[in-house]
Amino acid sequence: MAADAEEAARMAVQTGAHVVGPGEGKRFSGRAGGYVLETKATDDHTRGAYAFQEMTVAPGFPWIPAHIHRNEDEALYGLEGEVAVRVGDQIHTVGPGTYVLMPRDVVHTFSNRGAVPAKVLVISSPGAVIGYFEEAAALTNASPVGQPDMEQLAALARRYGIEFVG
């Protein structure tokens, strides 16, 4: 009976609107508060198509390790402040109204080199990778220095088809 109830709930989401207001959604942070992600939609809400998150990046947030996603494309859309985004060999500034696609199989990373917080929308397609984001944040938060053990993080990344490079 529980499986039937879960399927009924999933179908209700797939056939109706999914509305998440300001400040709502599953929220988690990582890298000693260097970023905060608020999940607005997951694969469960979008029939497996994508996940949608709002991310706030602290001023002075350093480059995350350069990496490649093997299973999904990611996109950022700037709302406030600016983040620097490296895609391949190019660095782009993403500010309000700017969109950048980080295709699967292309190395990318980001940072906030500015003096004010930056806020971006994050779209991951498909969206299962947000499980990695949550688990990586937990690893980071468990560290007394606010940085993850890179061997543990790399092992976690491999489970999600992510490879650190350089």
N, C-alpha and C. Protein backbone atom coordinates (compact mmCIF):
# COMPACT_ATOMS: atom_id res chain seq x y z
N MET A 1 0.81 -1.20 0.00
CA MET A 1 0.00 0.00 0.00
C MET A 1 0.86 1.26 0.00
N ALA A 2 2.01 1.23 0.70
CA ALA A 2 2.88 2.40 0.74
C ALA A 2 3.39 2.74 -0.65
N ALA A 3 3.74 1.73 -1.44
CA ALA A 3 4.23 1.97 -2.80
C ALA A 3 3.13 2.62 -3.64
N ASP A 4 1.88 2.18 -3.46
CA ASP A 4 0.77 2.79 -4.19
C ASP A 4 0.60 4.26 -3.81
N ALA A 5 0.75 4.58 -2.54
CA ALA A 5 0.63 5.96 -2.08
C ALA A 5 1.75 6.82 -2.65
N GLU A 6 2.97 6.26 -2.70
CA GLU A 6 4.11 7.00 -3.28
C GLU A 6 3.88 7.25 -4.76
N GLU A 7 3.40 6.26 -5.47
CA GLU A 7 3.14 6.42 -6.90
C GLU A 7 2.03 7.45 -7.13
N ALA A 8 1.00 7.42 -6.30
CA ALA A 8 -0.08 8.40 -6.42
C ALA A 8 0.44 9.82 -6.18
N ALA A 9 1.32 9.98 -5.19
CA ALA A 9 1.90 11.29 -4.91
C ALA A 9 2.77 11.75 -6.08
N ARG A 10 3.57 10.84 -6.63
CA ARG A 10 4.41 11.18 -7.79
C ARG A 10 3.55 11.60 -8.98
N MET A 11 2.48 10.89 -9.24
CA MET A 11 1.61 11.23 -10.36
C MET A 11 0.93 12.57 -10.15
N ALA A 12 0.58 12.88 -8.90
CA ALA A 12 -0.04 14.17 -8.61
C ALA A 12 0.92 15.30 -8.94
N VAL A 13 2.20 15.11 -8.59
CA VAL A 13 3.20 16.13 -8.90
C VAL A 13 3.37 16.25 -10.40
N GLN A 14 3.38 15.13 -11.10
CA GLN A 14 3.63 15.16 -12.55
C GLN A 14 2.47 15.75 -13.34
N THR A 15 1.28 15.76 -12.80
CA THR A 15 0.14 16.27 -13.54
C THR A 15 -0.34 17.62 -13.05
N GLY A 16 0.25 18.14 -11.98
CA GLY A 16 -0.17 19.42 -11.45
C GLY A 16 1.00 20.37 -11.33
N ALA A 17 0.72 21.56 -10.89
CA ALA A 17 1.75 22.57 -10.71
C ALA A 17 2.60 22.24 -9.48
N HIS A 18 3.85 22.57 -9.56
CA HIS A 18 4.78 22.45 -8.43
C HIS A 18 5.23 23.88 -8.12
N VAL A 19 4.80 24.41 -7.01
CA VAL A 19 5.08 25.81 -6.67
C VAL A 19 5.89 25.86 -5.39
N VAL A 20 7.02 26.57 -5.44
CA VAL A 20 7.89 26.73 -4.29
C VAL A 20 8.17 28.22 -4.16
N GLY A 21 7.78 28.80 -3.04
CA GLY A 21 7.91 30.24 -2.84
C GLY A 21 9.28 30.67 -2.38
N PRO A 22 9.46 31.98 -2.25
CA PRO A 22 10.74 32.51 -1.76
C PRO A 22 11.07 31.95 -0.39
N GLY A 23 12.32 31.52 -0.21
CA GLY A 23 12.76 30.97 1.07
C GLY A 23 12.28 29.56 1.33
N GLU A 24 11.56 28.98 0.39
CA GLU A 24 11.07 27.62 0.54
C GLU A 24 11.95 26.67 -0.27
N GLY A 25 11.92 25.42 0.07
CA GLY A 25 12.72 24.41 -0.61
C GLY A 25 13.76 23.87 0.35
N LYS A 26 14.28 22.71 0.04
CA LYS A 26 15.32 22.10 0.86
C LYS A 26 16.57 22.94 0.76
N ARG A 27 17.13 23.29 1.90
CA ARG A 27 18.25 24.22 1.95
C ARG A 27 19.45 23.55 2.63
N PHE A 28 20.63 23.71 2.03
CA PHE A 28 21.85 23.20 2.65
C PHE A 28 23.02 24.06 2.20
N SER A 29 24.07 24.04 2.99
CA SER A 29 25.26 24.83 2.67
C SER A 29 26.50 23.98 2.79
N GLY A 30 27.56 24.45 2.18
CA GLY A 30 28.82 23.74 2.24
C GLY A 30 30.00 24.69 2.23
N ARG A 31 31.18 24.11 2.35
CA ARG A 31 32.43 24.87 2.37
C ARG A 31 32.38 25.99 3.40
N ALA A 32 32.04 25.60 4.63
CA ALA A 32 32.00 26.53 5.77
C ALA A 32 31.08 27.72 5.48
N GLY A 33 29.95 27.45 4.83
CA GLY A 33 29.00 28.51 4.53
C GLY A 33 29.34 29.30 3.29
N GLY A 34 30.33 28.84 2.53
CA GLY A 34 30.74 29.54 1.32
C GLY A 34 29.67 29.57 0.24
N TYR A 35 28.78 28.61 0.28
CA TYR A 35 27.64 28.63 -0.63
C TYR A 35 26.44 28.03 0.08
N VAL A 36 25.27 28.45 -0.34
CA VAL A 36 24.00 27.93 0.16
C VAL A 36 23.17 27.56 -1.06
N LEU A 37 22.67 26.34 -1.09
CA LEU A 37 21.79 25.89 -2.16
C LEU A 37 20.39 25.68 -1.60
N GLU A 38 19.41 26.16 -2.33
CA GLU A 38 18.01 25.95 -1.98
C GLU A 38 17.35 25.25 -3.17
N THR A 39 16.96 24.00 -2.96
CA THR A 39 16.39 23.19 -4.03
C THR A 39 14.91 23.53 -4.21
N LYS A 40 14.58 23.93 -5.42
CA LYS A 40 13.20 24.28 -5.75
C LYS A 40 12.47 23.12 -6.46
N ALA A 41 13.21 22.35 -7.27
CA ALA A 41 12.61 21.22 -7.97
C ALA A 41 13.67 20.14 -8.16
N THR A 42 13.25 18.89 -8.04
CA THR A 42 14.12 17.74 -8.25
C THR A 42 13.60 16.93 -9.44
N ASP A 43 14.32 15.87 -9.78
CA ASP A 43 13.87 14.96 -10.83
C ASP A 43 12.45 14.46 -10.57
N ASP A 44 12.11 14.28 -9.30
CA ASP A 44 10.77 13.80 -8.95
C ASP A 44 9.69 14.79 -9.37
N HIS A 45 10.03 16.08 -9.38
CA HIS A 45 9.04 17.11 -9.74
C HIS A 45 8.98 17.37 -11.24
N THR A 46 10.02 16.95 -11.97
CA THR A 46 10.13 17.30 -13.39
C THR A 46 10.16 16.08 -14.31
N ARG A 47 9.66 14.97 -13.81
CA ARG A 47 9.63 13.73 -14.59
C ARG A 47 11.03 13.33 -15.05
N GLY A 48 12.01 13.60 -14.20
CA GLY A 48 13.38 13.20 -14.50
C GLY A 48 14.14 14.14 -15.41
N ALA A 49 13.54 15.25 -15.80
CA ALA A 49 14.15 16.14 -16.80
C ALA A 49 15.28 17.00 -16.23
N TYR A 50 15.09 17.57 -15.05
CA TYR A 50 16.08 18.50 -14.51
C TYR A 50 15.83 18.74 -13.03
N ALA A 51 16.83 19.38 -12.40
CA ALA A 51 16.68 19.92 -11.05
C ALA A 51 16.91 21.42 -11.14
N PHE A 52 16.29 22.16 -10.25
CA PHE A 52 16.34 23.62 -10.27
C PHE A 52 16.65 24.10 -8.86
N GLN A 53 17.75 24.85 -8.73
CA GLN A 53 18.17 25.34 -7.42
C GLN A 53 18.53 26.81 -7.48
N GLU A 54 18.44 27.46 -6.34
CA GLU A 54 18.93 28.83 -6.18
C GLU A 54 20.17 28.74 -5.30
N MET A 55 21.27 29.34 -5.76
CA MET A 55 22.52 29.26 -5.00
C MET A 55 23.01 30.67 -4.67
N THR A 56 23.38 30.86 -3.41
CA THR A 56 24.03 32.09 -2.98
C THR A 56 25.48 31.74 -2.67
N VAL A 57 26.40 32.51 -3.26
CA VAL A 57 27.83 32.27 -3.13
C VAL A 57 28.44 33.44 -2.37
N ALA A 58 29.14 33.15 -1.28
CA ALA A 58 29.72 34.18 -0.42
C ALA A 58 30.80 34.98 -1.15
N PRO A 59 30.97 36.24 -0.77
CA PRO A 59 32.05 37.04 -1.36
C PRO A 59 33.40 36.39 -1.09
N GLY A 60 34.28 36.44 -2.07
CA GLY A 60 35.61 35.88 -1.91
C GLY A 60 35.66 34.36 -1.97
N PHE A 61 34.56 33.71 -2.32
CA PHE A 61 34.53 32.24 -2.38
C PHE A 61 35.52 31.79 -3.44
N PRO A 62 36.47 30.90 -3.07
CA PRO A 62 37.52 30.50 -4.03
C PRO A 62 36.98 29.51 -5.07
N TRP A 63 37.76 29.31 -6.11
CA TRP A 63 37.40 28.35 -7.15
C TRP A 63 37.16 26.97 -6.53
N ILE A 64 36.06 26.33 -6.89
CA ILE A 64 35.87 24.94 -6.49
C ILE A 64 36.78 24.09 -7.39
N PRO A 65 37.09 22.86 -7.01
CA PRO A 65 37.96 22.05 -7.87
C PRO A 65 37.37 21.90 -9.28
N ALA A 66 38.21 22.12 -10.29
CA ALA A 66 37.76 21.96 -11.67
C ALA A 66 37.29 20.51 -11.86
N HIS A 67 36.19 20.35 -12.59
CA HIS A 67 35.61 19.02 -12.72
C HIS A 67 34.81 18.89 -14.01
N ILE A 68 34.48 17.64 -14.33
CA ILE A 68 33.69 17.31 -15.50
C ILE A 68 32.52 16.45 -15.04
N HIS A 69 31.33 16.78 -15.50
CA HIS A 69 30.15 15.93 -15.28
C HIS A 69 30.00 15.05 -16.51
N ARG A 70 29.90 13.75 -16.31
CA ARG A 70 29.73 12.81 -17.42
C ARG A 70 28.25 12.57 -17.74
N ASN A 71 27.35 12.88 -16.79
CA ASN A 71 25.95 12.49 -16.96
C ASN A 71 24.97 13.64 -17.14
N GLU A 72 25.41 14.88 -16.93
CA GLU A 72 24.44 15.97 -16.99
C GLU A 72 25.08 17.26 -17.48
N ASP A 73 24.22 18.12 -18.00
CA ASP A 73 24.58 19.49 -18.33
C ASP A 73 24.18 20.35 -17.15
N GLU A 74 24.91 21.44 -16.94
CA GLU A 74 24.54 22.39 -15.90
C GLU A 74 24.47 23.77 -16.53
N ALA A 75 23.61 24.60 -15.99
CA ALA A 75 23.51 25.98 -16.45
C ALA A 75 23.37 26.88 -15.23
N LEU A 76 23.91 28.08 -15.34
CA LEU A 76 23.76 29.11 -14.31
C LEU A 76 23.10 30.32 -14.94
N TYR A 77 22.25 30.98 -14.17
CA TYR A 77 21.62 32.24 -14.59
C TYR A 77 21.79 33.23 -13.44
N GLY A 78 22.47 34.33 -13.71
CA GLY A 78 22.77 35.31 -12.67
C GLY A 78 21.56 36.12 -12.23
N LEU A 79 21.43 36.29 -10.92
CA LEU A 79 20.37 37.12 -10.34
C LEU A 79 20.93 38.37 -9.64
N GLU A 80 21.97 38.17 -8.82
CA GLU A 80 22.57 39.27 -8.05
C GLU A 80 24.07 39.04 -7.97
N GLY A 81 24.84 40.13 -7.88
CA GLY A 81 26.28 40.00 -7.77
C GLY A 81 26.86 39.35 -9.02
N GLU A 82 28.08 38.82 -8.90
CA GLU A 82 28.73 38.18 -10.04
C GLU A 82 29.53 36.98 -9.59
N VAL A 83 29.50 35.93 -10.40
CA VAL A 83 30.40 34.80 -10.22
C VAL A 83 31.26 34.68 -11.48
N ALA A 84 32.48 34.22 -11.29
CA ALA A 84 33.34 33.88 -12.41
C ALA A 84 33.15 32.41 -12.68
N VAL A 85 32.94 32.05 -13.94
CA VAL A 85 32.70 30.67 -14.32
C VAL A 85 33.68 30.30 -15.42
N ARG A 86 34.44 29.26 -15.17
CA ARG A 86 35.34 28.72 -16.20
C ARG A 86 34.63 27.56 -16.87
N VAL A 87 34.54 27.63 -18.19
CA VAL A 87 34.00 26.54 -19.00
C VAL A 87 35.05 26.25 -20.07
N GLY A 88 35.63 25.07 -20.02
CA GLY A 88 36.76 24.78 -20.89
C GLY A 88 37.92 25.69 -20.51
N ASP A 89 38.45 26.39 -21.49
CA ASP A 89 39.57 27.30 -21.24
C ASP A 89 39.15 28.75 -21.11
N GLN A 90 37.85 29.03 -21.14
CA GLN A 90 37.37 30.41 -21.08
C GLN A 90 36.75 30.72 -19.73
N ILE A 91 36.97 31.95 -19.27
CA ILE A 91 36.36 32.42 -18.03
C ILE A 91 35.32 33.47 -18.39
N HIS A 92 34.12 33.28 -17.83
CA HIS A 92 32.99 34.17 -18.11
C HIS A 92 32.54 34.81 -16.79
N THR A 93 32.08 36.04 -16.87
CA THR A 93 31.48 36.70 -15.72
C THR A 93 29.97 36.56 -15.83
N VAL A 94 29.36 35.99 -14.81
CA VAL A 94 27.91 35.79 -14.79
C VAL A 94 27.32 36.73 -13.75
N GLY A 95 26.67 37.76 -14.25
CA GLY A 95 25.98 38.72 -13.40
C GLY A 95 24.50 38.67 -13.69
N PRO A 96 23.74 39.63 -13.15
CA PRO A 96 22.29 39.63 -13.36
C PRO A 96 21.92 39.56 -14.84
N GLY A 97 21.08 38.59 -15.16
CA GLY A 97 20.59 38.42 -16.53
C GLY A 97 21.49 37.62 -17.43
N THR A 98 22.65 37.18 -16.95
CA THR A 98 23.57 36.41 -17.78
C THR A 98 23.36 34.91 -17.56
N TYR A 99 23.38 34.18 -18.65
CA TYR A 99 23.20 32.72 -18.65
C TYR A 99 24.47 32.09 -19.18
N VAL A 100 24.89 30.98 -18.57
CA VAL A 100 26.02 30.21 -19.08
C VAL A 100 25.68 28.73 -18.99
N LEU A 101 25.96 28.01 -20.08
CA LEU A 101 25.78 26.57 -20.12
C LEU A 101 27.13 25.91 -19.91
N MET A 102 27.16 24.92 -19.02
CA MET A 102 28.35 24.11 -18.77
C MET A 102 28.00 22.70 -19.23
N PRO A 103 28.30 22.39 -20.50
CA PRO A 103 27.89 21.08 -21.05
C PRO A 103 28.59 19.91 -20.39
N ARG A 104 27.92 18.77 -20.38
CA ARG A 104 28.57 17.55 -19.88
C ARG A 104 29.86 17.32 -20.67
N ASP A 105 30.80 16.67 -20.03
CA ASP A 105 32.09 16.32 -20.63
C ASP A 105 33.00 17.52 -20.89
N VAL A 106 32.67 18.69 -20.35
CA VAL A 106 33.52 19.88 -20.47
C VAL A 106 33.91 20.34 -19.07
N VAL A 107 35.20 20.55 -18.85
CA VAL A 107 35.67 20.97 -17.53
C VAL A 107 35.07 22.34 -17.18
N HIS A 108 34.70 22.49 -15.91
CA HIS A 108 34.17 23.77 -15.46
C HIS A 108 34.39 23.94 -13.95
N THR A 109 34.26 25.17 -13.51
CA THR A 109 34.39 25.54 -12.11
C THR A 109 33.83 26.95 -11.94
N PHE A 110 33.69 27.40 -10.70
CA PHE A 110 33.21 28.77 -10.47
C PHE A 110 33.79 29.32 -9.18
N SER A 111 33.73 30.65 -9.04
CA SER A 111 34.12 31.32 -7.81
C SER A 111 33.39 32.66 -7.74
N ASN A 112 33.41 33.25 -6.56
CA ASN A 112 32.92 34.63 -6.41
C ASN A 112 34.12 35.46 -5.97
N ARG A 113 34.72 36.14 -6.91
CA ARG A 113 35.89 36.96 -6.62
C ARG A 113 35.52 38.35 -6.12
N GLY A 114 34.22 38.62 -6.05
CA GLY A 114 33.74 39.95 -5.67
C GLY A 114 33.65 40.16 -4.17
N ALA A 115 33.18 41.34 -3.82
CA ALA A 115 33.07 41.75 -2.42
C ALA A 115 31.64 41.64 -1.88
N VAL A 116 30.71 41.18 -2.73
CA VAL A 116 29.31 41.03 -2.31
C VAL A 116 28.84 39.62 -2.65
N PRO A 117 27.83 39.12 -1.93
CA PRO A 117 27.30 37.80 -2.28
C PRO A 117 26.76 37.78 -3.71
N ALA A 118 26.81 36.63 -4.32
CA ALA A 118 26.23 36.43 -5.65
C ALA A 118 25.11 35.42 -5.52
N LYS A 119 24.07 35.63 -6.30
CA LYS A 119 22.95 34.69 -6.32
C LYS A 119 22.71 34.27 -7.76
N VAL A 120 22.64 32.95 -7.98
CA VAL A 120 22.41 32.40 -9.31
C VAL A 120 21.37 31.30 -9.24
N LEU A 121 20.73 31.07 -10.35
CA LEU A 121 19.88 29.89 -10.50
C LEU A 121 20.73 28.81 -11.13
N VAL A 122 20.55 27.57 -10.67
CA VAL A 122 21.31 26.43 -11.16
C VAL A 122 20.32 25.42 -11.72
N ILE A 123 20.54 25.04 -12.97
CA ILE A 123 19.72 24.03 -13.61
C ILE A 123 20.63 22.87 -13.97
N SER A 124 20.30 21.68 -13.50
CA SER A 124 21.06 20.46 -13.79
C SER A 124 20.15 19.50 -14.52
N SER A 125 20.60 19.03 -15.70
CA SER A 125 19.74 18.16 -16.50
C SER A 125 20.52 16.94 -16.99
N PRO A 126 20.07 15.73 -16.60
CA PRO A 126 19.04 15.47 -15.60
C PRO A 126 19.50 15.89 -14.20
N GLY A 127 18.60 15.81 -13.25
CA GLY A 127 18.86 16.42 -11.96
C GLY A 127 19.35 15.54 -10.83
N ALA A 128 19.66 14.28 -11.09
CA ALA A 128 20.10 13.39 -10.01
C ALA A 128 21.37 13.88 -9.33
N VAL A 129 22.15 14.71 -10.01
CA VAL A 129 23.42 15.21 -9.46
C VAL A 129 23.23 16.02 -8.19
N ILE A 130 22.04 16.51 -7.92
CA ILE A 130 21.89 17.28 -6.69
C ILE A 130 22.11 16.42 -5.45
N GLY A 131 21.98 15.10 -5.61
CA GLY A 131 22.35 14.21 -4.51
C GLY A 131 23.83 14.35 -4.17
N TYR A 132 24.65 14.49 -5.20
CA TYR A 132 26.09 14.73 -4.98
C TYR A 132 26.29 16.05 -4.24
N PHE A 133 25.60 17.10 -4.67
CA PHE A 133 25.77 18.41 -4.02
C PHE A 133 25.48 18.31 -2.52
N GLU A 134 24.42 17.62 -2.18
CA GLU A 134 24.05 17.46 -0.77
C GLU A 134 25.07 16.64 0.00
N GLU A 135 25.50 15.52 -0.58
CA GLU A 135 26.48 14.67 0.10
C GLU A 135 27.84 15.36 0.21
N ALA A 136 28.23 16.10 -0.81
CA ALA A 136 29.51 16.84 -0.76
C ALA A 136 29.46 17.92 0.32
N ALA A 137 28.32 18.60 0.43
CA ALA A 137 28.17 19.61 1.49
C ALA A 137 28.29 18.96 2.86
N ALA A 138 27.69 17.78 3.03
CA ALA A 138 27.78 17.08 4.31
C ALA A 138 29.23 16.71 4.64
N LEU A 139 29.99 16.25 3.64
CA LEU A 139 31.41 15.94 3.85
C LEU A 139 32.17 17.18 4.30
N THR A 140 31.92 18.27 3.62
CA THR A 140 32.59 19.53 3.95
C THR A 140 32.23 19.99 5.36
N ASN A 141 30.95 19.93 5.67
CA ASN A 141 30.50 20.40 6.97
C ASN A 141 30.99 19.53 8.12
N ALA A 142 31.31 18.26 7.82
CA ALA A 142 31.83 17.36 8.85
C ALA A 142 33.31 17.62 9.14
N SER A 143 33.96 18.38 8.28
CA SER A 143 35.38 18.65 8.43
C SER A 143 35.60 19.80 9.41
N PRO A 144 36.56 19.67 10.34
CA PRO A 144 36.81 20.76 11.29
C PRO A 144 37.40 22.01 10.62
N VAL A 145 37.92 21.87 9.40
CA VAL A 145 38.50 23.03 8.70
C VAL A 145 37.58 23.57 7.61
N GLY A 146 36.40 23.00 7.46
CA GLY A 146 35.44 23.50 6.48
C GLY A 146 35.77 23.13 5.05
N GLN A 147 36.72 22.23 4.85
CA GLN A 147 37.08 21.74 3.52
C GLN A 147 36.98 20.22 3.54
N PRO A 148 36.49 19.63 2.46
CA PRO A 148 36.34 18.17 2.45
C PRO A 148 37.68 17.47 2.29
N ASP A 149 37.75 16.24 2.74
CA ASP A 149 38.87 15.37 2.42
C ASP A 149 38.75 15.06 0.94
N MET A 150 39.75 15.46 0.14
CA MET A 150 39.63 15.34 -1.31
C MET A 150 39.55 13.89 -1.80
N GLU A 151 40.16 12.96 -1.09
CA GLU A 151 40.02 11.55 -1.50
C GLU A 151 38.58 11.08 -1.33
N GLN A 152 37.97 11.43 -0.20
CA GLN A 152 36.57 11.06 0.03
C GLN A 152 35.66 11.77 -0.98
N LEU A 153 35.95 13.04 -1.25
CA LEU A 153 35.13 13.79 -2.20
C LEU A 153 35.26 13.20 -3.61
N ALA A 154 36.47 12.82 -4.01
CA ALA A 154 36.67 12.23 -5.34
C ALA A 154 35.93 10.90 -5.46
N ALA A 155 35.94 10.09 -4.39
CA ALA A 155 35.21 8.82 -4.41
C ALA A 155 33.71 9.06 -4.55
N LEU A 156 33.21 10.04 -3.81
CA LEU A 156 31.80 10.41 -3.91
C LEU A 156 31.48 10.90 -5.33
N ALA A 157 32.33 11.75 -5.86
CA ALA A 157 32.12 12.30 -7.20
C ALA A 157 32.03 11.18 -8.24
N ARG A 158 32.91 10.20 -8.15
CA ARG A 158 32.90 9.09 -9.11
C ARG A 158 31.55 8.37 -9.11
N ARG A 159 30.93 8.24 -7.93
CA ARG A 159 29.62 7.58 -7.86
C ARG A 159 28.57 8.33 -8.68
N TYR A 160 28.76 9.63 -8.87
CA TYR A 160 27.82 10.46 -9.61
C TYR A 160 28.31 10.79 -11.02
N GLY A 161 29.39 10.15 -11.48
CA GLY A 161 29.89 10.41 -12.82
C GLY A 161 30.59 11.75 -12.94
N ILE A 162 31.21 12.20 -11.85
CA ILE A 162 31.95 13.47 -11.85
C ILE A 162 33.42 13.16 -11.67
N GLU A 163 34.25 13.84 -12.43
CA GLU A 163 35.69 13.62 -12.39
C GLU A 163 36.40 14.95 -12.14
N PHE A 164 37.25 14.99 -11.11
CA PHE A 164 38.06 16.18 -10.86
C PHE A 164 39.25 16.15 -11.81
N VAL A 165 39.59 17.31 -12.33
CA VAL A 165 40.71 17.41 -13.27
C VAL A 165 41.64 18.53 -12.85
N GLY A 166 42.89 18.41 -13.26
CA GLY A 166 43.89 19.46 -13.01
C GLY A 166 44.22 19.61 -11.63
